[in-house]
Amino acid sequence: MASVARLRVSGMVCGACTSAVKAALENVSGVSSVSVSLEENVGVVRFDPAATSVAALREAVEDCGFDVVDATSSTAAGADAHAPISVPNKKSTTTPDAAHGAVVPAPGAPSLPLDPSSSSLAAAAAAA
């Protein structure tokens, strides 16, 4: 059964830092998935405890120049399934019109018309 480690990492200050930590963890044998959050300073790693350990994950992070200040591990029930995460009683306060004004194409990307009444970008792309 797979395990999940949560590593609190200090020293990450930018996207390049999170990319370095993610790459280091992905290169550890037995790791099946990695996600790293700059905002939370946390890396979450799904791994096979028969192939690696939290100590090896910690070492990989420290070898690329960051400090692991806390590490916890738990067995992942249904490790092969991607269970949805729900946050009860949380609703977005952003209206479609407000979100529309926040969507800006990247430099060099084509601008697509966005219809707030439609949830389909395919329709908007076909209309462009």
N, C-alpha and C. Protein backbone atom coordinates (compact mmCIF):
# COMPACT_ATOMS: atom_id res chain seq x y z
N MET A 1 0.84 -1.17 0.00
CA MET A 1 0.00 0.00 0.00
C MET A 1 0.89 1.24 0.00
N ALA A 2 0.48 2.27 -0.70
CA ALA A 2 1.27 3.49 -0.80
C ALA A 2 1.15 4.31 0.47
N SER A 3 2.14 5.15 0.67
CA SER A 3 2.14 6.09 1.78
C SER A 3 2.20 7.50 1.22
N VAL A 4 1.81 8.46 2.03
CA VAL A 4 1.87 9.86 1.65
C VAL A 4 2.69 10.60 2.71
N ALA A 5 3.71 11.32 2.24
CA ALA A 5 4.53 12.12 3.14
C ALA A 5 4.22 13.59 2.91
N ARG A 6 4.19 14.32 3.98
CA ARG A 6 4.00 15.77 3.92
C ARG A 6 5.25 16.39 4.52
N LEU A 7 6.01 17.10 3.67
CA LEU A 7 7.28 17.69 4.09
C LEU A 7 7.14 19.21 4.14
N ARG A 8 7.39 19.80 5.29
CA ARG A 8 7.40 21.25 5.40
C ARG A 8 8.82 21.70 5.08
N VAL A 9 8.94 22.50 4.00
CA VAL A 9 10.25 22.87 3.46
C VAL A 9 10.49 24.36 3.68
N SER A 10 11.66 24.71 4.20
CA SER A 10 12.00 26.12 4.34
C SER A 10 13.06 26.49 3.30
N GLY A 11 13.03 27.75 2.92
CA GLY A 11 14.02 28.24 1.96
C GLY A 11 13.49 28.44 0.56
N MET A 12 12.26 27.97 0.28
CA MET A 12 11.69 28.16 -1.05
C MET A 12 11.14 29.58 -1.15
N VAL A 13 11.57 30.32 -2.18
CA VAL A 13 11.11 31.70 -2.34
C VAL A 13 10.52 32.00 -3.72
N CYS A 14 10.59 31.04 -4.64
CA CYS A 14 10.09 31.31 -5.99
C CYS A 14 9.70 30.00 -6.69
N GLY A 15 9.16 30.14 -7.88
CA GLY A 15 8.75 28.98 -8.66
C GLY A 15 9.91 28.07 -9.02
N ALA A 16 11.09 28.63 -9.21
CA ALA A 16 12.25 27.79 -9.52
C ALA A 16 12.60 26.91 -8.32
N CYS A 17 12.39 27.44 -7.13
CA CYS A 17 12.64 26.66 -5.91
C CYS A 17 11.69 25.47 -5.85
N THR A 18 10.41 25.71 -6.08
CA THR A 18 9.45 24.61 -6.01
C THR A 18 9.73 23.58 -7.10
N SER A 19 10.14 24.06 -8.27
CA SER A 19 10.48 23.13 -9.36
C SER A 19 11.67 22.26 -8.99
N ALA A 20 12.66 22.85 -8.33
CA ALA A 20 13.85 22.10 -7.92
C ALA A 20 13.49 21.04 -6.88
N VAL A 21 12.66 21.41 -5.91
CA VAL A 21 12.24 20.46 -4.88
C VAL A 21 11.42 19.35 -5.51
N LYS A 22 10.50 19.71 -6.40
CA LYS A 22 9.66 18.69 -7.06
C LYS A 22 10.52 17.72 -7.86
N ALA A 23 11.46 18.24 -8.63
CA ALA A 23 12.33 17.38 -9.45
C ALA A 23 13.16 16.45 -8.56
N ALA A 24 13.67 16.98 -7.46
CA ALA A 24 14.49 16.15 -6.55
C ALA A 24 13.65 15.01 -5.98
N LEU A 25 12.42 15.30 -5.59
CA LEU A 25 11.56 14.26 -5.02
C LEU A 25 11.12 13.25 -6.08
N GLU A 26 10.84 13.72 -7.29
CA GLU A 26 10.42 12.82 -8.37
C GLU A 26 11.54 11.85 -8.75
N ASN A 27 12.78 12.22 -8.51
CA ASN A 27 13.91 11.36 -8.85
C ASN A 27 14.20 10.28 -7.81
N VAL A 28 13.48 10.30 -6.70
CA VAL A 28 13.67 9.27 -5.68
C VAL A 28 12.91 8.02 -6.13
N SER A 29 13.60 6.90 -6.16
CA SER A 29 12.98 5.63 -6.56
C SER A 29 11.83 5.30 -5.61
N GLY A 30 10.69 4.92 -6.18
CA GLY A 30 9.53 4.56 -5.37
C GLY A 30 8.50 5.67 -5.23
N VAL A 31 8.82 6.87 -5.72
CA VAL A 31 7.89 7.99 -5.66
C VAL A 31 6.95 7.92 -6.86
N SER A 32 5.64 8.02 -6.60
CA SER A 32 4.67 7.96 -7.70
C SER A 32 4.06 9.31 -8.04
N SER A 33 4.02 10.25 -7.10
CA SER A 33 3.53 11.59 -7.43
C SER A 33 4.05 12.59 -6.41
N VAL A 34 4.19 13.85 -6.89
CA VAL A 34 4.72 14.92 -6.04
C VAL A 34 3.95 16.19 -6.35
N SER A 35 3.61 16.93 -5.31
CA SER A 35 3.10 18.28 -5.50
C SER A 35 3.78 19.16 -4.46
N VAL A 36 4.19 20.36 -4.90
CA VAL A 36 4.91 21.28 -4.02
C VAL A 36 4.21 22.63 -4.06
N SER A 37 3.92 23.18 -2.89
CA SER A 37 3.24 24.47 -2.78
C SER A 37 4.19 25.51 -2.21
N LEU A 38 4.41 26.58 -2.98
CA LEU A 38 5.24 27.68 -2.51
C LEU A 38 4.52 28.44 -1.40
N GLU A 39 3.21 28.65 -1.56
CA GLU A 39 2.43 29.39 -0.56
C GLU A 39 2.45 28.72 0.80
N GLU A 40 2.35 27.39 0.81
CA GLU A 40 2.31 26.65 2.07
C GLU A 40 3.67 26.14 2.50
N ASN A 41 4.68 26.24 1.61
CA ASN A 41 6.02 25.68 1.88
C ASN A 41 5.94 24.20 2.23
N VAL A 42 5.16 23.47 1.42
CA VAL A 42 4.92 22.06 1.69
C VAL A 42 5.06 21.24 0.41
N GLY A 43 5.66 20.08 0.56
CA GLY A 43 5.69 19.10 -0.51
C GLY A 43 4.90 17.89 -0.05
N VAL A 44 4.02 17.39 -0.93
CA VAL A 44 3.25 16.19 -0.63
C VAL A 44 3.68 15.13 -1.62
N VAL A 45 4.11 13.98 -1.08
CA VAL A 45 4.71 12.94 -1.90
C VAL A 45 3.99 11.62 -1.66
N ARG A 46 3.53 11.00 -2.73
CA ARG A 46 2.96 9.65 -2.65
C ARG A 46 4.08 8.69 -3.05
N PHE A 47 4.35 7.70 -2.18
CA PHE A 47 5.49 6.82 -2.43
C PHE A 47 5.21 5.40 -1.93
N ASP A 48 6.03 4.48 -2.40
CA ASP A 48 5.96 3.08 -1.99
C ASP A 48 6.93 2.90 -0.82
N PRO A 49 6.42 2.63 0.38
CA PRO A 49 7.31 2.51 1.54
C PRO A 49 8.24 1.30 1.46
N ALA A 50 7.96 0.36 0.56
CA ALA A 50 8.87 -0.77 0.38
C ALA A 50 10.08 -0.36 -0.46
N ALA A 51 9.96 0.76 -1.20
CA ALA A 51 11.04 1.19 -2.08
C ALA A 51 11.81 2.39 -1.56
N THR A 52 11.20 3.20 -0.70
CA THR A 52 11.89 4.39 -0.18
C THR A 52 11.32 4.75 1.19
N SER A 53 11.84 5.81 1.77
CA SER A 53 11.42 6.21 3.12
C SER A 53 11.32 7.73 3.21
N VAL A 54 10.70 8.19 4.27
CA VAL A 54 10.62 9.63 4.52
C VAL A 54 12.02 10.20 4.67
N ALA A 55 12.92 9.45 5.29
CA ALA A 55 14.30 9.90 5.45
C ALA A 55 14.96 10.14 4.08
N ALA A 56 14.69 9.27 3.11
CA ALA A 56 15.26 9.43 1.77
C ALA A 56 14.66 10.65 1.07
N LEU A 57 13.37 10.90 1.30
CA LEU A 57 12.71 12.07 0.72
C LEU A 57 13.32 13.34 1.32
N ARG A 58 13.50 13.34 2.62
CA ARG A 58 14.10 14.48 3.32
C ARG A 58 15.51 14.74 2.77
N GLU A 59 16.28 13.68 2.59
CA GLU A 59 17.65 13.81 2.09
C GLU A 59 17.66 14.41 0.68
N ALA A 60 16.71 13.98 -0.17
CA ALA A 60 16.65 14.50 -1.53
C ALA A 60 16.40 16.01 -1.53
N VAL A 61 15.50 16.47 -0.67
CA VAL A 61 15.20 17.90 -0.57
C VAL A 61 16.42 18.66 -0.03
N GLU A 62 17.04 18.12 0.99
CA GLU A 62 18.19 18.79 1.59
C GLU A 62 19.39 18.81 0.64
N ASP A 63 19.53 17.75 -0.17
CA ASP A 63 20.63 17.70 -1.14
C ASP A 63 20.50 18.77 -2.22
N CYS A 64 19.28 19.26 -2.46
CA CYS A 64 19.14 20.32 -3.47
C CYS A 64 19.11 21.71 -2.83
N GLY A 65 19.47 21.80 -1.53
CA GLY A 65 19.70 23.09 -0.92
C GLY A 65 18.60 23.66 -0.04
N PHE A 66 17.63 22.87 0.32
CA PHE A 66 16.53 23.35 1.15
C PHE A 66 16.49 22.56 2.45
N ASP A 67 15.81 23.10 3.43
CA ASP A 67 15.69 22.43 4.72
C ASP A 67 14.30 21.87 4.90
N VAL A 68 14.22 20.65 5.41
CA VAL A 68 12.94 20.06 5.78
C VAL A 68 12.81 20.26 7.28
N VAL A 69 11.82 21.09 7.68
CA VAL A 69 11.68 21.41 9.10
C VAL A 69 10.69 20.50 9.80
N ASP A 70 9.90 19.76 9.03
CA ASP A 70 8.94 18.82 9.61
C ASP A 70 8.54 17.84 8.52
N ALA A 71 8.38 16.58 8.90
CA ALA A 71 7.96 15.56 7.94
C ALA A 71 7.02 14.58 8.63
N THR A 72 5.88 14.33 8.00
CA THR A 72 4.94 13.34 8.52
C THR A 72 4.59 12.39 7.39
N SER A 73 4.18 11.20 7.78
CA SER A 73 3.83 10.18 6.79
C SER A 73 2.60 9.44 7.26
N SER A 74 1.78 9.04 6.29
CA SER A 74 0.60 8.23 6.60
C SER A 74 0.35 7.27 5.45
N THR A 75 -0.37 6.21 5.75
CA THR A 75 -0.75 5.25 4.72
C THR A 75 -1.90 5.84 3.94
N ALA A 76 -1.80 5.76 2.63
CA ALA A 76 -2.84 6.31 1.77
C ALA A 76 -3.88 5.25 1.47
N ALA A 77 -5.05 5.37 2.06
CA ALA A 77 -6.14 4.45 1.77
C ALA A 77 -6.56 4.66 0.33
N GLY A 78 -6.70 3.59 -0.41
CA GLY A 78 -7.09 3.71 -1.82
C GLY A 78 -6.05 4.46 -2.61
N ALA A 79 -4.80 4.16 -2.39
CA ALA A 79 -3.70 4.92 -2.98
C ALA A 79 -3.74 4.97 -4.49
N ASP A 80 -4.35 3.99 -5.12
CA ASP A 80 -4.39 3.99 -6.57
C ASP A 80 -5.55 4.80 -7.11
N ALA A 81 -6.44 5.25 -6.26
CA ALA A 81 -7.59 6.03 -6.70
C ALA A 81 -7.31 7.51 -6.44
N HIS A 82 -7.85 8.35 -7.27
CA HIS A 82 -7.74 9.79 -7.07
C HIS A 82 -9.06 10.26 -6.51
N ALA A 83 -9.15 10.29 -5.20
CA ALA A 83 -10.39 10.67 -4.54
C ALA A 83 -10.55 12.18 -4.57
N PRO A 84 -11.75 12.66 -4.85
CA PRO A 84 -11.96 14.10 -4.84
C PRO A 84 -11.88 14.65 -3.42
N ILE A 85 -11.46 15.87 -3.31
CA ILE A 85 -11.40 16.54 -2.02
C ILE A 85 -12.54 17.54 -1.98
N SER A 86 -13.32 17.51 -0.92
CA SER A 86 -14.40 18.49 -0.81
C SER A 86 -14.15 19.38 0.37
N VAL A 87 -14.53 20.63 0.22
CA VAL A 87 -14.43 21.59 1.29
C VAL A 87 -15.86 22.06 1.55
N PRO A 88 -16.48 21.56 2.62
CA PRO A 88 -17.88 21.90 2.85
C PRO A 88 -18.07 23.38 3.18
N ASN A 89 -19.20 23.88 2.74
CA ASN A 89 -19.63 25.25 3.03
C ASN A 89 -18.70 26.33 2.47
N LYS A 90 -17.95 26.03 1.45
CA LYS A 90 -17.10 27.03 0.82
C LYS A 90 -17.66 27.30 -0.58
N LYS A 91 -17.97 28.54 -0.85
CA LYS A 91 -18.51 28.92 -2.15
C LYS A 91 -17.71 30.10 -2.68
N SER A 92 -17.56 30.13 -3.97
CA SER A 92 -16.85 31.23 -4.59
C SER A 92 -17.71 32.48 -4.55
N THR A 93 -17.08 33.60 -4.26
CA THR A 93 -17.80 34.87 -4.28
C THR A 93 -17.50 35.62 -5.57
N THR A 94 -16.73 35.02 -6.46
CA THR A 94 -16.40 35.65 -7.73
C THR A 94 -17.52 35.39 -8.73
N THR A 95 -18.05 36.46 -9.29
CA THR A 95 -19.10 36.31 -10.29
C THR A 95 -18.46 36.03 -11.64
N PRO A 96 -19.22 35.44 -12.57
CA PRO A 96 -18.65 35.21 -13.91
C PRO A 96 -18.17 36.50 -14.56
N ASP A 97 -18.90 37.61 -14.36
CA ASP A 97 -18.48 38.88 -14.96
C ASP A 97 -17.15 39.36 -14.38
N ALA A 98 -16.98 39.20 -13.06
CA ALA A 98 -15.72 39.61 -12.43
C ALA A 98 -14.57 38.73 -12.90
N ALA A 99 -14.83 37.44 -13.03
CA ALA A 99 -13.79 36.52 -13.50
C ALA A 99 -13.41 36.85 -14.93
N HIS A 100 -14.39 37.22 -15.75
CA HIS A 100 -14.13 37.55 -17.15
C HIS A 100 -13.11 38.67 -17.25
N GLY A 101 -13.24 39.69 -16.41
CA GLY A 101 -12.30 40.81 -16.45
C GLY A 101 -10.91 40.43 -15.98
N ALA A 102 -10.79 39.34 -15.23
CA ALA A 102 -9.50 38.92 -14.71
C ALA A 102 -8.74 38.03 -15.68
N VAL A 103 -9.40 37.54 -16.72
CA VAL A 103 -8.76 36.64 -17.68
C VAL A 103 -8.07 37.47 -18.74
N VAL A 104 -6.74 37.33 -18.80
CA VAL A 104 -5.93 38.09 -19.75
C VAL A 104 -5.06 37.09 -20.50
N PRO A 105 -5.04 37.15 -21.84
CA PRO A 105 -4.19 36.20 -22.57
C PRO A 105 -2.70 36.47 -22.32
N ALA A 106 -1.93 35.42 -22.36
CA ALA A 106 -0.48 35.54 -22.23
C ALA A 106 0.06 36.24 -23.46
N PRO A 107 1.22 36.91 -23.33
CA PRO A 107 1.80 37.58 -24.50
C PRO A 107 2.00 36.60 -25.64
N GLY A 108 1.51 36.98 -26.82
CA GLY A 108 1.63 36.14 -28.00
C GLY A 108 0.52 35.14 -28.17
N ALA A 109 -0.33 34.96 -27.16
CA ALA A 109 -1.44 34.02 -27.26
C ALA A 109 -2.63 34.72 -27.89
N PRO A 110 -3.42 33.97 -28.68
CA PRO A 110 -4.59 34.60 -29.27
C PRO A 110 -5.62 34.94 -28.20
N SER A 111 -6.35 36.01 -28.42
CA SER A 111 -7.40 36.40 -27.49
C SER A 111 -8.69 35.72 -27.93
N LEU A 112 -9.32 35.00 -27.02
CA LEU A 112 -10.58 34.33 -27.31
C LEU A 112 -11.71 35.07 -26.63
N PRO A 113 -12.82 35.24 -27.33
CA PRO A 113 -13.96 35.86 -26.65
C PRO A 113 -14.47 34.91 -25.57
N LEU A 114 -14.78 35.44 -24.42
CA LEU A 114 -15.26 34.62 -23.31
C LEU A 114 -16.67 35.05 -22.97
N ASP A 115 -17.59 34.13 -23.11
CA ASP A 115 -18.99 34.39 -22.81
C ASP A 115 -19.26 33.91 -21.39
N PRO A 116 -19.50 34.83 -20.45
CA PRO A 116 -19.72 34.42 -19.06
C PRO A 116 -20.91 33.48 -18.87
N SER A 117 -21.83 33.47 -19.82
CA SER A 117 -22.99 32.59 -19.68
C SER A 117 -22.69 31.17 -20.14
N SER A 118 -21.52 30.97 -20.73
CA SER A 118 -21.14 29.65 -21.21
C SER A 118 -19.95 29.15 -20.43
N SER A 119 -19.94 27.83 -20.15
CA SER A 119 -18.78 27.27 -19.47
C SER A 119 -17.87 26.57 -20.46
N SER A 120 -18.10 26.77 -21.72
CA SER A 120 -17.33 26.04 -22.73
C SER A 120 -16.36 26.96 -23.45
N LEU A 121 -15.09 26.68 -23.32
CA LEU A 121 -14.08 27.41 -24.09
C LEU A 121 -14.07 26.93 -25.53
N ALA A 122 -14.51 25.69 -25.76
CA ALA A 122 -14.54 25.15 -27.11
C ALA A 122 -15.46 26.00 -27.98
N ALA A 123 -16.61 26.40 -27.44
CA ALA A 123 -17.55 27.23 -28.20
C ALA A 123 -16.94 28.59 -28.50
N ALA A 124 -16.20 29.14 -27.52
CA ALA A 124 -15.57 30.43 -27.71
C ALA A 124 -14.47 30.31 -28.77
N ALA A 125 -13.71 29.24 -28.74
CA ALA A 125 -12.63 29.06 -29.72
C ALA A 125 -13.20 28.85 -31.10
N ALA A 126 -14.31 28.13 -31.22
CA ALA A 126 -14.93 27.90 -32.52
C ALA A 126 -15.48 29.21 -33.09
N ALA A 127 -15.93 30.09 -32.22
CA ALA A 127 -16.49 31.35 -32.66
C ALA A 127 -15.40 32.34 -33.10
N ALA A 128 -14.18 32.13 -32.63
CA ALA A 128 -13.09 33.06 -32.92
C ALA A 128 -12.56 32.92 -34.33
